[in-house]
Protein backbone atom coordinates (compact mmCIF):
# COMPACT_ATOMS: atom_id res chain seq x y z
CA MET A 1 43.22 182.30 30.72
CA PRO A 2 40.88 182.38 33.75
CA TYR A 3 42.33 183.93 36.91
CA ARG A 4 41.48 183.52 40.60
CA PRO A 5 42.04 185.94 43.47
CA LEU A 6 45.22 185.41 45.51
CA CYS A 7 44.95 188.29 47.98
CA PRO A 8 44.17 191.99 48.26
CA LEU A 9 47.17 194.08 47.20
CA THR A 10 47.08 195.74 50.63
CA ASP A 11 47.91 192.35 52.23
CA LEU A 12 51.36 192.42 50.58
CA PRO A 13 53.73 194.71 52.47
CA LEU A 14 56.34 196.32 50.23
CA GLY A 15 59.46 194.11 49.88
CA VAL A 16 58.22 191.18 51.99
CA ALA A 17 57.53 187.74 50.51
CA ILE A 18 54.31 186.08 51.65
CA GLY A 19 53.43 182.41 51.16
CA PHE A 20 50.07 181.25 49.84
CA ALA A 21 48.58 177.79 49.51
CA PRO A 22 49.03 175.86 47.37
CA GLY A 23 52.77 176.37 46.92
CA LEU A 24 52.89 180.03 45.84
CA ARG A 25 54.89 182.96 47.10
CA ALA A 26 54.26 186.61 46.24
CA ILE A 27 56.35 189.72 46.81
CA ARG A 28 55.35 193.32 46.21
CA LEU A 29 58.10 195.47 44.75
CA ALA A 30 58.02 199.23 44.16
CA ASP A 31 55.93 199.06 40.99
CA CYS A 32 54.81 195.44 40.59
CA VAL A 33 53.93 192.14 42.22
CA MET A 34 55.92 189.00 41.48
CA VAL A 35 54.54 185.51 42.15
CA TYR A 36 56.74 182.40 42.12
CA LEU A 37 56.26 178.73 42.86
CA ASN A 38 57.56 177.97 46.34
CA ALA A 39 60.14 175.50 45.04
CA CYS A 40 63.91 175.82 44.79
CA PRO A 41 65.16 175.06 41.25
CA HIS A 42 68.01 172.97 42.75
CA LEU A 43 65.99 170.29 44.58
CA GLY A 44 62.37 171.40 44.26
CA VAL A 45 62.04 171.82 48.04
CA PRO A 46 59.99 174.66 49.57
CA LEU A 47 62.02 177.79 50.28
CA ASP A 48 60.58 178.77 53.70
CA TRP A 49 62.99 178.65 56.63
CA LEU A 50 59.94 179.02 58.90
CA PRO A 51 56.35 178.79 57.65
CA GLY A 52 55.86 181.78 55.37
CA LYS A 53 59.41 183.16 55.91
CA PHE A 54 61.39 183.57 52.68
CA MET A 55 63.66 186.62 53.03
CA SER A 56 67.43 186.67 53.63
CA ALA A 57 68.72 188.11 56.93
CA ASP A 58 69.32 191.50 55.29
CA GLY A 59 65.81 191.46 53.75
CA ARG A 60 67.07 191.99 50.19
CA ASN A 61 66.72 188.53 48.63
CA LEU A 62 64.52 185.45 48.75
CA VAL A 63 66.37 182.55 50.34
CA CYS A 64 66.12 178.75 50.28
CA ALA A 65 66.29 177.34 53.80
CA THR A 66 67.69 173.99 52.62
CA HIS A 67 71.02 175.25 51.27
CA GLY A 68 71.00 179.05 51.53
CA ALA A 69 70.59 179.86 47.84
CA GLU A 70 69.55 183.50 47.39
CA PHE A 71 67.23 184.75 44.65
CA ARG A 72 66.68 188.28 43.33
CA PRO A 73 63.02 189.19 44.01
CA SER A 74 62.54 191.12 40.76
CA ASP A 75 63.21 188.15 38.44
CA GLY A 76 63.83 185.07 40.61
CA VAL A 77 67.43 184.58 39.39
CA CYS A 78 69.68 182.70 41.83
CA LEU A 79 72.57 184.96 42.85
CA ARG A 80 74.43 182.50 45.10
CA GLY A 81 74.17 178.87 46.06
CA PRO A 82 74.19 175.52 44.22
CA CYS A 83 71.65 176.66 41.63
CA ARG A 84 73.42 179.94 40.77
CA GLY A 85 72.16 181.25 37.44
CA ASP A 86 68.93 179.20 37.56
CA SER A 87 65.63 180.91 38.31
CA LEU A 88 62.54 180.38 40.39
CA THR A 89 59.46 179.49 38.36
CA ARG A 90 57.46 182.66 37.82
CA VAL A 91 53.67 182.53 37.91
CA PRO A 92 51.73 185.03 35.78
CA CYS A 93 49.73 187.48 37.84
CA GLU A 94 47.67 190.62 37.46
CA VAL A 95 46.36 193.27 39.81
CA ARG A 96 42.77 194.20 39.11
CA ASP A 97 40.50 196.28 41.34
CA GLY A 98 43.10 196.13 44.13
CA VAL A 99 43.28 192.30 44.09
CA VAL A 100 46.27 190.18 43.05
CA ARG A 101 45.09 187.39 40.73
CA VAL A 102 46.82 184.27 39.42
CA PRO A 103 45.76 181.60 36.90
CA LEU A 104 43.16 179.17 38.23
CA THR A 105 45.61 176.25 38.26
CA ALA A 106 48.66 178.14 39.62
CA GLY A 107 50.42 176.00 42.20
CA LEU A 108 47.94 173.13 41.82
CA GLN A 109 49.86 171.00 39.33
CA ARG A 110 53.30 169.51 39.82
CA ASP A 111 55.76 171.61 37.84
CA ARG A 112 58.08 169.66 35.51
CA GLU A 113 61.12 171.78 36.40
CA ASN A 114 60.43 171.61 40.16
CA PRO A 115 59.63 167.96 40.90
CA GLY A 116 59.51 168.54 44.66
CA GLN A 117 56.63 171.02 44.34
CA GLU A 118 53.55 169.77 46.13
CA SER A 119 50.39 169.25 44.11
C-alpha cells in the first residue's frame, strides 16, 4: 500500500491530538502514533470543539464537541457518551525516517461507518 507523509514526528507533541486535512487526527503516545478519522462514530460529525482542538478538559481523552463523548487515545474506544463501546475509525500509519506516513487515500474517501466524514 503506498503511503504519503502526514507530518514530521517532531510536530506531534506527546499526548496532544493534532488535526490534519483532509479529516485526520493524530496523537503521539509514549511509544507510538495513532491516527484516526476526525468523525464521531455516533453521528459522523467532526470531533473538534475548536479548529484542531480534540482533547478533554483534563487532557486525558479525545472528546467529541457535539455531545461530549470521550475516546481513549490508545485505541479510540468510546468511554462515555451516546456511542459508548464504539470506536473511532483508525487509520494505518507508520513512522519512517522521522516522518509520520498514512495511506495515500487516508481521509479522502467517505467512510461507510462515518457517513458525516467529509470527502
